[in-house]
Amino acid sequence: MTKVLILTQAEVSKLMPVRDCMPVMAEALAGLARGEFFQPLRMIIMPPAAAGDIGLMPAYRSGERAAYGVKTVCVFAGNPAKGLDPHQGSVTLFSAETGQLRALMNASAITSIRTAAVSGVATQLLAREDAGDLAIIGSGVQARAHIEAMACARSIRRARVASSRFENARKFADEFRERYSFPIEAVDNIEAAVRDADLIVTATTAETPILKREWISSGAHLNVVGSSIPRTREIDSETVAAASLFVDRRESTINEGGDYLAAVREGAITPDHIKAEIGELLIGAKPGRTSQDEITLFKSLGLAVEDLASADYLFRKAEQTGAGTWVDF
């Protein structure tokens, strides 16, 4: 009989805040670029009449910390209206030696934290050193995690937040104003949020573009987070074409990235528009930003290797601290 670790949403959040997750994600993405992970494309089941989709995201890491991991995640876009995270599911960790189950963890917490942490790493690599005028589009789970990631990545001077409902943006600003020294303002439209911003995060459930090229200042860095399937997008093709495009994984982007695929379909870009993966920047294989005026865009899709690396980190942290619940399995 083996002992299996169970970590709840609250336990995951306590053990792995965004700041601590950022170096974990940098290590994972660098390892991916070096070929230390095996990761197929995620499998997504999208029944036409269902209220949501379900995805399976397996990965394997080789080396001294070899392990298998699988995230099983349901994505229900209507959940925020019910006060729920759109992402629901679990991350499971398995022994690479025996295949035994080692841990079962809350996927909502891992997804929000590691996604924001990856955007934080991308921002450290790509944003101008003096960037600090932040715009956040969205007010949900990902927006909440991303304000922390952006505050870790750069010295924020001010932040503006816009949401589909102004009341949500106002509540977001009121809550986070107490946590940070920089001013946070709720605005009633997206253009007002992104005008003159040099750091922009889009973390929405939009299916059609909500961000236009003419609103974006030269030298800005964008983290485009919300869309993770081919049929949805947050930004227009002109923005994709005007920016230097960086991704978490090329294979994932050309198969699943709605913002990228729409721009290709509309003839705004060609497949060679992708400059590099973030992991390639981390190992020095490709350059990042090359000028102060360059617009850089990180298209985040989320990778199984990020979930696996998070689960491995959480497992070791729980062993050290005694956190979580251990059950016979």
C-alpha atoms as a PDB file:
ATOM      1  CA  MET A   1       0.000   0.000   0.000  1.00  0.00           C
ATOM      2  CA  THR A   2       1.270   3.452  -0.892  1.00  0.00           C
ATOM      3  CA  LYS A   3       0.618   6.872   0.632  1.00  0.00           C
ATOM      4  CA  VAL A   4      -0.894   9.474  -1.697  1.00  0.00           C
ATOM      5  CA  LEU A   5      -0.714  13.218  -1.035  1.00  0.00           C
ATOM      6  CA  ILE A   6      -3.878  15.287  -1.496  1.00  0.00           C
ATOM      7  CA  LEU A   7      -3.559  19.082  -1.756  1.00  0.00           C
ATOM      8  CA  THR A   8      -6.586  21.369  -1.749  1.00  0.00           C
ATOM      9  CA  GLN A   9      -6.928  24.696  -3.536  1.00  0.00           C
ATOM     10  CA  ALA A  10      -6.027  26.621  -0.375  1.00  0.00           C
ATOM     11  CA  GLU A  11      -3.019  24.384   0.329  1.00  0.00           C
ATOM     12  CA  VAL A  12      -1.669  24.770  -3.212  1.00  0.00           C
ATOM     13  CA  SER A  13      -2.020  28.552  -2.997  1.00  0.00           C
ATOM     14  CA  LYS A  14      -0.188  28.672   0.325  1.00  0.00           C
ATOM     15  CA  LEU A  15       2.643  26.344  -0.675  1.00  0.00           C
ATOM     16  CA  MET A  16       3.311  27.911  -4.100  1.00  0.00           C
ATOM     17  CA  PRO A  17       2.638  31.646  -4.380  1.00  0.00           C
ATOM     18  CA  VAL A  18       3.286  33.203  -7.786  1.00  0.00           C
ATOM     19  CA  ARG A  19       6.633  34.664  -6.704  1.00  0.00           C
ATOM     20  CA  ASP A  20       7.945  31.223  -5.699  1.00  0.00           C
ATOM     21  CA  CYS A  21       6.480  29.591  -8.812  1.00  0.00           C
ATOM     22  CA  MET A  22       8.296  31.869 -11.264  1.00  0.00           C
ATOM     23  CA  PRO A  23      11.742  30.212 -10.908  1.00  0.00           C
ATOM     24  CA  VAL A  24      10.050  26.803 -11.054  1.00  0.00           C
ATOM     25  CA  MET A  25       8.484  27.756 -14.382  1.00  0.00           C
ATOM     26  CA  ALA A  26      11.741  29.202 -15.706  1.00  0.00           C
ATOM     27  CA  GLU A  27      13.484  25.926 -14.892  1.00  0.00           C
ATOM     28  CA  ALA A  28      10.717  23.892 -16.537  1.00  0.00           C
ATOM     29  CA  LEU A  29      10.639  25.941 -19.746  1.00  0.00           C
ATOM     30  CA  ALA A  30      14.428  25.853 -20.009  1.00  0.00           C
ATOM     31  CA  GLY A  31      14.274  22.090 -19.517  1.00  0.00           C
ATOM     32  CA  LEU A  32      11.663  21.814 -22.247  1.00  0.00           C
ATOM     33  CA  ALA A  33      13.941  23.705 -24.620  1.00  0.00           C
ATOM     34  CA  ARG A  34      16.789  21.335 -23.743  1.00  0.00           C
ATOM     35  CA  GLY A  35      14.657  18.272 -24.480  1.00  0.00           C
ATOM     36  CA  GLU A  36      14.281  17.096 -20.883  1.00  0.00           C
ATOM     37  CA  PHE A  37      10.486  16.793 -21.102  1.00  0.00           C
ATOM     38  CA  PHE A  38       8.206  14.724 -23.310  1.00  0.00           C
ATOM     39  CA  GLN A  39       4.883  16.386 -23.955  1.00  0.00           C
ATOM     40  CA  PRO A  40       2.287  15.532 -26.595  1.00  0.00           C
ATOM     41  CA  LEU A  41      -0.406  17.981 -27.603  1.00  0.00           C
ATOM     42  CA  ARG A  42      -3.271  18.109 -25.133  1.00  0.00           C
ATOM     43  CA  MET A  43      -6.399  16.199 -26.035  1.00  0.00           C
ATOM     44  CA  ILE A  44      -9.538  18.299 -25.767  1.00  0.00           C
ATOM     45  CA  ILE A  45     -13.056  16.900 -25.936  1.00  0.00           C
ATOM     46  CA  MET A  46     -15.584  19.541 -27.010  1.00  0.00           C
ATOM     47  CA  PRO A  47     -19.078  17.998 -27.272  1.00  0.00           C
ATOM     48  CA  PRO A  48     -21.236  20.433 -29.280  1.00  0.00           C
ATOM     49  CA  ALA A  49     -24.166  20.443 -26.872  1.00  0.00           C
ATOM     50  CA  ALA A  50     -22.179  20.434 -23.616  1.00  0.00           C
ATOM     51  CA  ALA A  51     -21.771  23.377 -21.242  1.00  0.00           C
ATOM     52  CA  GLY A  52     -17.985  22.955 -21.160  1.00  0.00           C
ATOM     53  CA  ASP A  53     -14.964  21.099 -22.480  1.00  0.00           C
ATOM     54  CA  ILE A  54     -12.539  18.634 -20.898  1.00  0.00           C
ATOM     55  CA  GLY A  55      -8.833  18.411 -21.619  1.00  0.00           C
ATOM     56  CA  LEU A  56      -6.129  15.854 -20.823  1.00  0.00           C
ATOM     57  CA  MET A  57      -2.562  17.156 -20.517  1.00  0.00           C
ATOM     58  CA  PRO A  58       0.103  14.480 -19.886  1.00  0.00           C
ATOM     59  CA  ALA A  59       3.858  15.032 -19.577  1.00  0.00           C
ATOM     60  CA  TYR A  60       7.040  13.216 -18.575  1.00  0.00           C
ATOM     61  CA  ARG A  61      10.273  14.628 -17.184  1.00  0.00           C
ATOM     62  CA  SER A  62      13.544  12.718 -17.458  1.00  0.00           C
ATOM     63  CA  GLY A  63      16.652  13.001 -15.319  1.00  0.00           C
ATOM     64  CA  GLU A  64      17.172  12.999 -11.552  1.00  0.00           C
ATOM     65  CA  ARG A  65      13.636  14.219 -10.850  1.00  0.00           C
ATOM     66  CA  ALA A  66      11.926  11.971 -13.387  1.00  0.00           C
ATOM     67  CA  ALA A  67       8.159  11.861 -13.044  1.00  0.00           C
ATOM     68  CA  TYR A  68       4.895  11.505 -14.923  1.00  0.00           C
ATOM     69  CA  GLY A  69       2.082  13.990 -14.554  1.00  0.00           C
ATOM     70  CA  VAL A  70      -1.404  14.460 -15.985  1.00  0.00           C
ATOM     71  CA  LYS A  71      -3.743  17.385 -15.654  1.00  0.00           C
ATOM     72  CA  THR A  72      -7.404  16.624 -16.223  1.00  0.00           C
ATOM     73  CA  VAL A  73      -9.213  19.917 -16.561  1.00  0.00           C
ATOM     74  CA  CYS A  74     -12.748  20.964 -17.389  1.00  0.00           C
ATOM     75  CA  VAL A  75     -13.168  24.440 -18.859  1.00  0.00           C
ATOM     76  CA  PHE A  76     -16.574  26.033 -18.303  1.00  0.00           C
ATOM     77  CA  ALA A  77     -16.684  29.621 -19.574  1.00  0.00           C
ATOM     78  CA  GLY A  78     -19.931  30.288 -17.708  1.00  0.00           C
ATOM     79  CA  ASN A  79     -18.445  29.515 -14.291  1.00  0.00           C
ATOM     80  CA  PRO A  80     -17.424  33.081 -13.330  1.00  0.00           C
ATOM     81  CA  ALA A  81     -21.092  34.099 -13.320  1.00  0.00           C
ATOM     82  CA  LYS A  82     -21.569  31.400 -10.675  1.00  0.00           C
ATOM     83  CA  GLY A  83     -18.596  32.562  -8.644  1.00  0.00           C
ATOM     84  CA  LEU A  84     -16.455  29.659  -9.832  1.00  0.00           C
ATOM     85  CA  ASP A  85     -13.118  29.351 -11.611  1.00  0.00           C
ATOM     86  CA  PRO A  86     -13.603  28.448 -15.314  1.00  0.00           C
ATOM     87  CA  HIS A  87     -10.931  25.745 -14.824  1.00  0.00           C
ATOM     88  CA  GLN A  88     -11.916  22.749 -12.689  1.00  0.00           C
ATOM     89  CA  GLY A  89      -9.965  19.550 -12.291  1.00  0.00           C
ATOM     90  CA  SER A  90      -6.961  17.798 -10.837  1.00  0.00           C
ATOM     91  CA  VAL A  91      -3.250  17.360 -11.396  1.00  0.00           C
ATOM     92  CA  THR A  92      -1.952  13.877 -10.669  1.00  0.00           C
ATOM     93  CA  LEU A  93       1.699  13.006 -10.087  1.00  0.00           C
ATOM     94  CA  PHE A  94       3.092   9.506 -10.720  1.00  0.00           C
ATOM     95  CA  SER A  95       6.360   7.756  -9.938  1.00  0.00           C
ATOM     96  CA  ALA A  96       8.621   7.356 -12.979  1.00  0.00           C
ATOM     97  CA  GLU A  97      10.011   4.121 -11.488  1.00  0.00           C
ATOM     98  CA  THR A  98       6.840   2.211 -10.659  1.00  0.00           C
ATOM     99  CA  GLY A  99       3.966   4.264 -12.061  1.00  0.00           C
ATOM    100  CA  GLN A 100       2.403   4.500  -8.614  1.00  0.00           C
ATOM    101  CA  LEU A 101       0.199   7.490  -7.893  1.00  0.00           C
ATOM    102  CA  ARG A 102       2.031   9.935  -5.639  1.00  0.00           C
ATOM    103  CA  ALA A 103      -0.288  12.944  -5.426  1.00  0.00           C
ATOM    104  CA  LEU A 104      -3.660  14.415  -6.347  1.00  0.00           C
ATOM    105  CA  MET A 105      -3.780  18.219  -6.415  1.00  0.00           C
ATOM    106  CA  ASN A 106      -6.287  20.972  -7.123  1.00  0.00           C
ATOM    107  CA  ALA A 107      -5.910  22.023 -10.769  1.00  0.00           C
ATOM    108  CA  SER A 108      -7.658  25.392 -10.471  1.00  0.00           C
ATOM    109  CA  ALA A 109      -5.007  26.728  -8.112  1.00  0.00           C
ATOM    110  CA  ILE A 110      -2.089  25.221 -10.027  1.00  0.00           C
ATOM    111  CA  THR A 111      -3.401  26.544 -13.349  1.00  0.00           C
ATOM    112  CA  SER A 112      -3.908  30.111 -12.153  1.00  0.00           C
ATOM    113  CA  ILE A 113      -0.573  30.306 -10.327  1.00  0.00           C
ATOM    114  CA  ARG A 114       1.650  28.676 -12.939  1.00  0.00           C
ATOM    115  CA  THR A 115       0.027  30.582 -15.824  1.00  0.00           C
ATOM    116  CA  ALA A 116       0.672  33.913 -14.140  1.00  0.00           C
ATOM    117  CA  ALA A 117       4.171  32.806 -13.160  1.00  0.00           C
ATOM    118  CA  VAL A 118       5.014  31.982 -16.791  1.00  0.00           C
ATOM    119  CA  SER A 119       3.754  35.424 -17.840  1.00  0.00           C
ATOM    120  CA  GLY A 120       5.969  36.854 -15.117  1.00  0.00           C
ATOM    121  CA  VAL A 121       8.995  35.033 -16.537  1.00  0.00           C
ATOM    122  CA  ALA A 122       8.125  36.216 -20.064  1.00  0.00           C
ATOM    123  CA  THR A 123       7.771  39.787 -18.780  1.00  0.00           C
ATOM    124  CA  GLN A 124      11.161  39.641 -17.063  1.00  0.00           C
ATOM    125  CA  LEU A 125      12.694  38.507 -20.353  1.00  0.00           C
ATOM    126  CA  LEU A 126      10.821  40.714 -22.816  1.00  0.00           C
ATOM    127  CA  ALA A 127       9.438  43.895 -21.249  1.00  0.00           C
ATOM    128  CA  ARG A 128      11.505  47.063 -21.206  1.00  0.00           C
ATOM    129  CA  GLU A 129      13.408  47.510 -17.960  1.00  0.00           C
ATOM    130  CA  ASP A 130      11.511  50.743 -17.269  1.00  0.00           C
ATOM    131  CA  ALA A 131       8.064  49.265 -18.004  1.00  0.00           C
ATOM    132  CA  GLY A 132       5.651  49.932 -15.159  1.00  0.00           C
ATOM    133  CA  ASP A 133       2.357  51.280 -16.523  1.00  0.00           C
ATOM    134  CA  LEU A 134       0.163  48.190 -16.273  1.00  0.00           C
ATOM    135  CA  ALA A 135      -3.178  47.440 -17.934  1.00  0.00           C
ATOM    136  CA  ILE A 136      -5.109  44.330 -16.956  1.00  0.00           C
ATOM    137  CA  ILE A 137      -8.076  43.290 -19.073  1.00  0.00           C
ATOM    138  CA  GLY A 138     -10.250  40.957 -17.062  1.00  0.00           C
ATOM    139  CA  SER A 139     -11.048  40.692 -13.377  1.00  0.00           C
ATOM    140  CA  GLY A 140     -11.280  36.962 -12.766  1.00  0.00           C
ATOM    141  CA  VAL A 141      -8.955  34.275 -11.449  1.00  0.00           C
ATOM    142  CA  GLN A 142      -6.205  34.842 -14.009  1.00  0.00           C
ATOM    143  CA  ALA A 143      -6.329  38.627 -13.697  1.00  0.00           C
ATOM    144  CA  ARG A 144      -5.921  38.282  -9.937  1.00  0.00           C
ATOM    145  CA  ALA A 145      -2.862  36.058 -10.266  1.00  0.00           C
ATOM    146  CA  HIS A 146      -1.367  38.216 -12.996  1.00  0.00           C
ATOM    147  CA  ILE A 147      -1.283  41.441 -11.021  1.00  0.00           C
ATOM    148  CA  GLU A 148       0.951  39.609  -8.545  1.00  0.00           C
ATOM    149  CA  ALA A 149       3.156  38.255 -11.349  1.00  0.00           C
ATOM    150  CA  MET A 150       3.528  41.679 -12.951  1.00  0.00           C
ATOM    151  CA  ALA A 151       4.428  43.232  -9.591  1.00  0.00           C
ATOM    152  CA  CYS A 152       7.138  40.571  -9.232  1.00  0.00           C
ATOM    153  CA  ALA A 153       8.482  41.081 -12.757  1.00  0.00           C
ATOM    154  CA  ARG A 154       8.670  44.902 -12.867  1.00  0.00           C
ATOM    155  CA  SER A 155       8.367  47.945 -10.614  1.00  0.00           C
ATOM    156  CA  ILE A 156       4.766  48.957 -11.279  1.00  0.00           C
ATOM    157  CA  ARG A 157       4.009  52.681 -11.226  1.00  0.00           C
ATOM    158  CA  ARG A 158       0.261  52.406 -11.751  1.00  0.00           C
ATOM    159  CA  ALA A 159      -2.325  49.866 -12.878  1.00  0.00           C
ATOM    160  CA  ARG A 160      -5.636  50.198 -14.690  1.00  0.00           C
ATOM    161  CA  VAL A 161      -8.151  47.394 -14.923  1.00  0.00           C
ATOM    162  CA  ALA A 162     -11.079  46.948 -17.314  1.00  0.00           C
ATOM    163  CA  SER A 163     -13.626  44.153 -17.307  1.00  0.00           C
ATOM    164  CA  SER A 164     -16.768  43.222 -19.194  1.00  0.00           C
ATOM    165  CA  ARG A 165     -18.673  44.742 -16.252  1.00  0.00           C
ATOM    166  CA  PHE A 166     -17.361  47.918 -14.654  1.00  0.00           C
ATOM    167  CA  GLU A 167     -18.570  46.762 -11.252  1.00  0.00           C
ATOM    168  CA  ASN A 168     -16.206  43.788 -11.436  1.00  0.00           C
ATOM    169  CA  ALA A 169     -13.294  46.056 -12.371  1.00  0.00           C
ATOM    170  CA  ARG A 170     -14.144  48.347  -9.458  1.00  0.00           C
ATOM    171  CA  LYS A 171     -14.235  45.463  -6.983  1.00  0.00           C
ATOM    172  CA  PHE A 172     -10.902  44.216  -8.318  1.00  0.00           C
ATOM    173  CA  ALA A 173      -9.305  47.651  -7.907  1.00  0.00           C
ATOM    174  CA  ASP A 174     -10.736  48.112  -4.418  1.00  0.00           C
ATOM    175  CA  GLU A 175      -9.394  44.750  -3.263  1.00  0.00           C
ATOM    176  CA  PHE A 176      -5.892  45.015  -4.675  1.00  0.00           C
ATOM    177  CA  ARG A 177      -5.420  48.675  -3.811  1.00  0.00           C
ATOM    178  CA  GLU A 178      -4.969  47.548  -0.225  1.00  0.00           C
ATOM    179  CA  ARG A 179      -2.217  45.092  -1.151  1.00  0.00           C
ATOM    180  CA  TYR A 180       0.062  47.230  -3.294  1.00  0.00           C
ATOM    181  CA  SER A 181       1.704  50.633  -2.959  1.00  0.00           C
ATOM    182  CA  PHE A 182       1.009  51.644  -6.563  1.00  0.00           C
ATOM    183  CA  PRO A 183      -2.366  53.162  -7.540  1.00  0.00           C
ATOM    184  CA  ILE A 184      -4.945  50.842  -9.116  1.00  0.00           C
ATOM    185  CA  GLU A 185      -7.789  52.389 -11.098  1.00  0.00           C
ATOM    186  CA  ALA A 186     -10.905  50.787 -12.529  1.00  0.00           C
ATOM    187  CA  VAL A 187     -11.842  52.130 -15.964  1.00  0.00           C
ATOM    188  CA  ASP A 188     -15.005  51.530 -17.953  1.00  0.00           C
ATOM    189  CA  ASN A 189     -13.485  50.502 -21.295  1.00  0.00           C
ATOM    190  CA  ILE A 190     -10.493  48.592 -22.617  1.00  0.00           C
ATOM    191  CA  GLU A 191      -9.080  51.431 -24.681  1.00  0.00           C
ATOM    192  CA  ALA A 192      -8.827  53.627 -21.587  1.00  0.00           C
ATOM    193  CA  ALA A 193      -6.937  50.858 -19.803  1.00  0.00           C
ATOM    194  CA  VAL A 194      -4.329  50.174 -22.483  1.00  0.00           C
ATOM    195  CA  ARG A 195      -3.635  53.660 -23.853  1.00  0.00           C
ATOM    196  CA  ASP A 196      -0.030  54.565 -22.866  1.00  0.00           C
ATOM    197  CA  ALA A 197       0.425  51.268 -21.000  1.00  0.00           C
ATOM    198  CA  ASP A 198       3.755  49.493 -21.463  1.00  0.00           C
ATOM    199  CA  LEU A 199       2.632  46.263 -19.779  1.00  0.00           C
ATOM    200  CA  ILE A 200      -0.661  44.732 -20.940  1.00  0.00           C
ATOM    201  CA  VAL A 201      -2.341  41.531 -19.757  1.00  0.00           C
ATOM    202  CA  THR A 202      -5.427  40.104 -21.440  1.00  0.00           C
ATOM    203  CA  ALA A 203      -7.048  37.452 -19.254  1.00  0.00           C
ATOM    204  CA  THR A 204     -10.607  37.124 -20.492  1.00  0.00           C
ATOM    205  CA  THR A 205     -13.047  34.575 -21.867  1.00  0.00           C
ATOM    206  CA  ALA A 206     -13.515  36.606 -25.071  1.00  0.00           C
ATOM    207  CA  GLU A 207     -14.098  34.712 -28.288  1.00  0.00           C
ATOM    208  CA  THR A 208     -13.522  37.681 -30.638  1.00  0.00           C
ATOM    209  CA  PRO A 209     -10.890  40.446 -30.461  1.00  0.00           C
ATOM    210  CA  ILE A 210     -11.200  42.920 -27.613  1.00  0.00           C
ATOM    211  CA  LEU A 211      -7.826  44.614 -28.145  1.00  0.00           C
ATOM    212  CA  LYS A 212      -6.986  46.802 -31.147  1.00  0.00           C
ATOM    213  CA  ARG A 213      -3.590  47.666 -32.575  1.00  0.00           C
ATOM    214  CA  GLU A 214      -4.157  51.438 -32.590  1.00  0.00           C
ATOM    215  CA  TRP A 215      -4.500  51.470 -28.800  1.00  0.00           C
ATOM    216  CA  ILE A 216      -1.073  49.936 -28.154  1.00  0.00           C
ATOM    217  CA  SER A 217       1.986  52.097 -27.565  1.00  0.00           C
ATOM    218  CA  SER A 218       5.368  51.399 -29.149  1.00  0.00           C
ATOM    219  CA  GLY A 219       7.640  49.466 -26.831  1.00  0.00           C
ATOM    220  CA  ALA A 220       4.780  47.791 -24.970  1.00  0.00           C
ATOM    221  CA  HIS A 221       4.870  44.181 -23.828  1.00  0.00           C
ATOM    222  CA  LEU A 222       1.703  42.065 -23.982  1.00  0.00           C
ATOM    223  CA  ASN A 223       0.857  38.854 -22.146  1.00  0.00           C
ATOM    224  CA  VAL A 224      -2.092  37.331 -24.033  1.00  0.00           C
ATOM    225  CA  VAL A 225      -3.530  34.666 -21.786  1.00  0.00           C
ATOM    226  CA  GLY A 226      -7.267  34.116 -22.171  1.00  0.00           C
ATOM    227  CA  SER A 227      -7.659  32.021 -25.315  1.00  0.00           C
ATOM    228  CA  SER A 228      -6.276  28.477 -25.310  1.00  0.00           C
ATOM    229  CA  ILE A 229      -8.260  26.863 -28.131  1.00  0.00           C
ATOM    230  CA  PRO A 230      -8.305  27.469 -31.913  1.00  0.00           C
ATOM    231  CA  ARG A 231     -11.787  28.982 -32.107  1.00  0.00           C
ATOM    232  CA  THR A 232     -11.304  31.910 -29.681  1.00  0.00           C
ATOM    233  CA  ARG A 233      -9.075  34.996 -29.654  1.00  0.00           C
ATOM    234  CA  GLU A 234      -8.542  38.189 -27.646  1.00  0.00           C
ATOM    235  CA  ILE A 235      -6.477  40.396 -29.960  1.00  0.00           C
ATOM    236  CA  ASP A 236      -6.826  41.507 -33.563  1.00  0.00           C
ATOM    237  CA  SER A 237      -4.575  40.295 -36.368  1.00  0.00           C
ATOM    238  CA  GLU A 238      -3.004  43.748 -36.761  1.00  0.00           C
ATOM    239  CA  THR A 239      -1.653  43.505 -33.221  1.00  0.00           C
ATOM    240  CA  VAL A 240      -0.179  40.058 -33.838  1.00  0.00           C
ATOM    241  CA  ALA A 241       1.420  41.277 -37.072  1.00  0.00           C
ATOM    242  CA  ALA A 242       2.898  44.403 -35.475  1.00  0.00           C
ATOM    243  CA  ALA A 243       4.446  42.533 -32.557  1.00  0.00           C
ATOM    244  CA  SER A 244       7.425  40.260 -32.109  1.00  0.00           C
ATOM    245  CA  LEU A 245       5.677  37.022 -31.181  1.00  0.00           C
ATOM    246  CA  PHE A 246       7.004  34.727 -28.457  1.00  0.00           C
ATOM    247  CA  VAL A 247       5.266  31.540 -27.297  1.00  0.00           C
ATOM    248  CA  ASP A 248       5.484  28.847 -24.654  1.00  0.00           C
ATOM    249  CA  ARG A 249       5.581  26.101 -27.302  1.00  0.00           C
ATOM    250  CA  ARG A 250       5.543  26.346 -31.109  1.00  0.00           C
ATOM    251  CA  GLU A 251       3.731  23.055 -31.638  1.00  0.00           C
ATOM    252  CA  SER A 252       0.962  24.104 -29.272  1.00  0.00           C
ATOM    253  CA  THR A 253       0.633  27.543 -30.851  1.00  0.00           C
ATOM    254  CA  ILE A 254       0.324  26.384 -34.451  1.00  0.00           C
ATOM    255  CA  ASN A 255      -2.289  23.805 -33.441  1.00  0.00           C
ATOM    256  CA  GLU A 256      -4.206  25.529 -30.641  1.00  0.00           C
ATOM    257  CA  GLY A 257      -3.448  29.266 -30.509  1.00  0.00           C
ATOM    258  CA  GLY A 258      -6.591  31.049 -31.693  1.00  0.00           C
ATOM    259  CA  ASP A 259      -4.966  34.500 -31.760  1.00  0.00           C
ATOM    260  CA  TYR A 260      -2.110  33.159 -33.899  1.00  0.00           C
ATOM    261  CA  LEU A 261      -4.260  30.952 -36.138  1.00  0.00           C
ATOM    262  CA  ALA A 262      -6.725  33.743 -36.912  1.00  0.00           C
ATOM    263  CA  ALA A 263      -3.885  36.058 -37.935  1.00  0.00           C
ATOM    264  CA  VAL A 264      -2.478  33.363 -40.237  1.00  0.00           C
ATOM    265  CA  ARG A 265      -5.915  32.653 -41.685  1.00  0.00           C
ATOM    266  CA  GLU A 266      -6.481  36.348 -42.394  1.00  0.00           C
ATOM    267  CA  GLY A 267      -3.094  36.651 -44.121  1.00  0.00           C
ATOM    268  CA  ALA A 268      -1.655  39.060 -41.545  1.00  0.00           C
ATOM    269  CA  ILE A 269       1.299  36.799 -40.697  1.00  0.00           C
ATOM    270  CA  THR A 270       3.041  33.670 -41.908  1.00  0.00           C
ATOM    271  CA  PRO A 271       4.124  30.690 -39.763  1.00  0.00           C
ATOM    272  CA  ASP A 272       7.657  32.072 -39.424  1.00  0.00           C
ATOM    273  CA  HIS A 273       6.278  35.039 -37.472  1.00  0.00           C
ATOM    274  CA  ILE A 274       6.991  33.192 -34.193  1.00  0.00           C
ATOM    275  CA  LYS A 275      10.349  34.531 -32.970  1.00  0.00           C
ATOM    276  CA  ALA A 276      11.082  32.025 -30.217  1.00  0.00           C
ATOM    277  CA  GLU A 277       9.824  29.938 -27.352  1.00  0.00           C
ATOM    278  CA  ILE A 278      10.380  31.371 -23.872  1.00  0.00           C
ATOM    279  CA  GLY A 279      12.566  28.380 -23.046  1.00  0.00           C
ATOM    280  CA  GLU A 280      14.853  29.226 -25.973  1.00  0.00           C
ATOM    281  CA  LEU A 281      15.366  32.692 -24.504  1.00  0.00           C
ATOM    282  CA  LEU A 282      16.155  31.194 -21.101  1.00  0.00           C
ATOM    283  CA  ILE A 283      18.920  28.944 -22.455  1.00  0.00           C
ATOM    284  CA  GLY A 284      20.312  31.667 -24.717  1.00  0.00           C
ATOM    285  CA  ALA A 285      19.412  29.936 -27.983  1.00  0.00           C
ATOM    286  CA  LYS A 286      17.323  32.851 -29.315  1.00  0.00           C
ATOM    287  CA  PRO A 287      17.260  36.623 -28.681  1.00  0.00           C
ATOM    288  CA  GLY A 288      14.391  38.446 -27.037  1.00  0.00           C
ATOM    289  CA  ARG A 289      13.614  42.159 -27.318  1.00  0.00           C
ATOM    290  CA  THR A 290      15.962  43.940 -29.709  1.00  0.00           C
ATOM    291  CA  SER A 291      14.845  47.598 -29.385  1.00  0.00           C
ATOM    292  CA  GLN A 292      13.056  49.974 -27.033  1.00  0.00           C
ATOM    293  CA  ASP A 293      10.303  50.651 -29.592  1.00  0.00           C
ATOM    294  CA  GLU A 294       9.589  46.988 -30.356  1.00  0.00           C
ATOM    295  CA  ILE A 295       6.201  45.627 -29.316  1.00  0.00           C
ATOM    296  CA  THR A 296       6.670  42.200 -27.765  1.00  0.00           C
ATOM    297  CA  LEU A 297       3.825  39.711 -27.394  1.00  0.00           C
ATOM    298  CA  PHE A 298       3.852  36.541 -25.334  1.00  0.00           C
ATOM    299  CA  LYS A 299       1.051  34.193 -26.347  1.00  0.00           C
ATOM    300  CA  SER A 300       0.386  31.875 -23.430  1.00  0.00           C
ATOM    301  CA  LEU A 301      -1.396  28.574 -24.006  1.00  0.00           C
ATOM    302  CA  GLY A 302      -0.368  26.670 -20.896  1.00  0.00           C
ATOM    303  CA  LEU A 303       1.658  23.466 -21.017  1.00  0.00           C
ATOM    304  CA  ALA A 304       1.523  20.111 -19.297  1.00  0.00           C
ATOM    305  CA  VAL A 305       5.205  20.468 -18.376  1.00  0.00           C
ATOM    306  CA  GLU A 306       4.241  23.513 -16.298  1.00  0.00           C
ATOM    307  CA  ASP A 307       1.664  21.468 -14.404  1.00  0.00           C
ATOM    308  CA  LEU A 308       4.115  18.601 -13.891  1.00  0.00           C
ATOM    309  CA  ALA A 309       6.859  20.915 -12.627  1.00  0.00           C
ATOM    310  CA  SER A 310       4.371  22.613 -10.292  1.00  0.00           C
ATOM    311  CA  ALA A 311       3.142  19.290  -8.926  1.00  0.00           C
ATOM    312  CA  ASP A 312       6.690  18.058  -8.343  1.00  0.00           C
ATOM    313  CA  TYR A 313       7.574  21.282  -6.511  1.00  0.00           C
ATOM    314  CA  LEU A 314       4.411  21.084  -4.397  1.00  0.00           C
ATOM    315  CA  PHE A 315       5.034  17.430  -3.553  1.00  0.00           C
ATOM    316  CA  ARG A 316       8.532  18.167  -2.278  1.00  0.00           C
ATOM    317  CA  LYS A 317       7.331  21.257  -0.391  1.00  0.00           C
ATOM    318  CA  ALA A 318       4.567  19.237   1.268  1.00  0.00           C
ATOM    319  CA  GLU A 319       7.064  16.586   2.317  1.00  0.00           C
ATOM    320  CA  GLN A 320       9.250  19.275   3.890  1.00  0.00           C
ATOM    321  CA  THR A 321       6.458  21.126   5.676  1.00  0.00           C
ATOM    322  CA  GLY A 322       3.985  18.353   6.497  1.00  0.00           C
ATOM    323  CA  ALA A 323       1.257  20.105   4.530  1.00  0.00           C
ATOM    324  CA  GLY A 324      -1.635  18.323   2.892  1.00  0.00           C
ATOM    325  CA  THR A 325      -3.367  15.060   3.648  1.00  0.00           C
ATOM    326  CA  TRP A 326      -1.712  11.686   3.115  1.00  0.00           C
ATOM    327  CA  VAL A 327      -4.042   8.751   2.474  1.00  0.00           C
ATOM    328  CA  ASP A 328      -3.576   5.041   1.874  1.00  0.00           C
ATOM    329  CA  PHE A 329      -4.302   4.154  -1.743  1.00  0.00           C
END
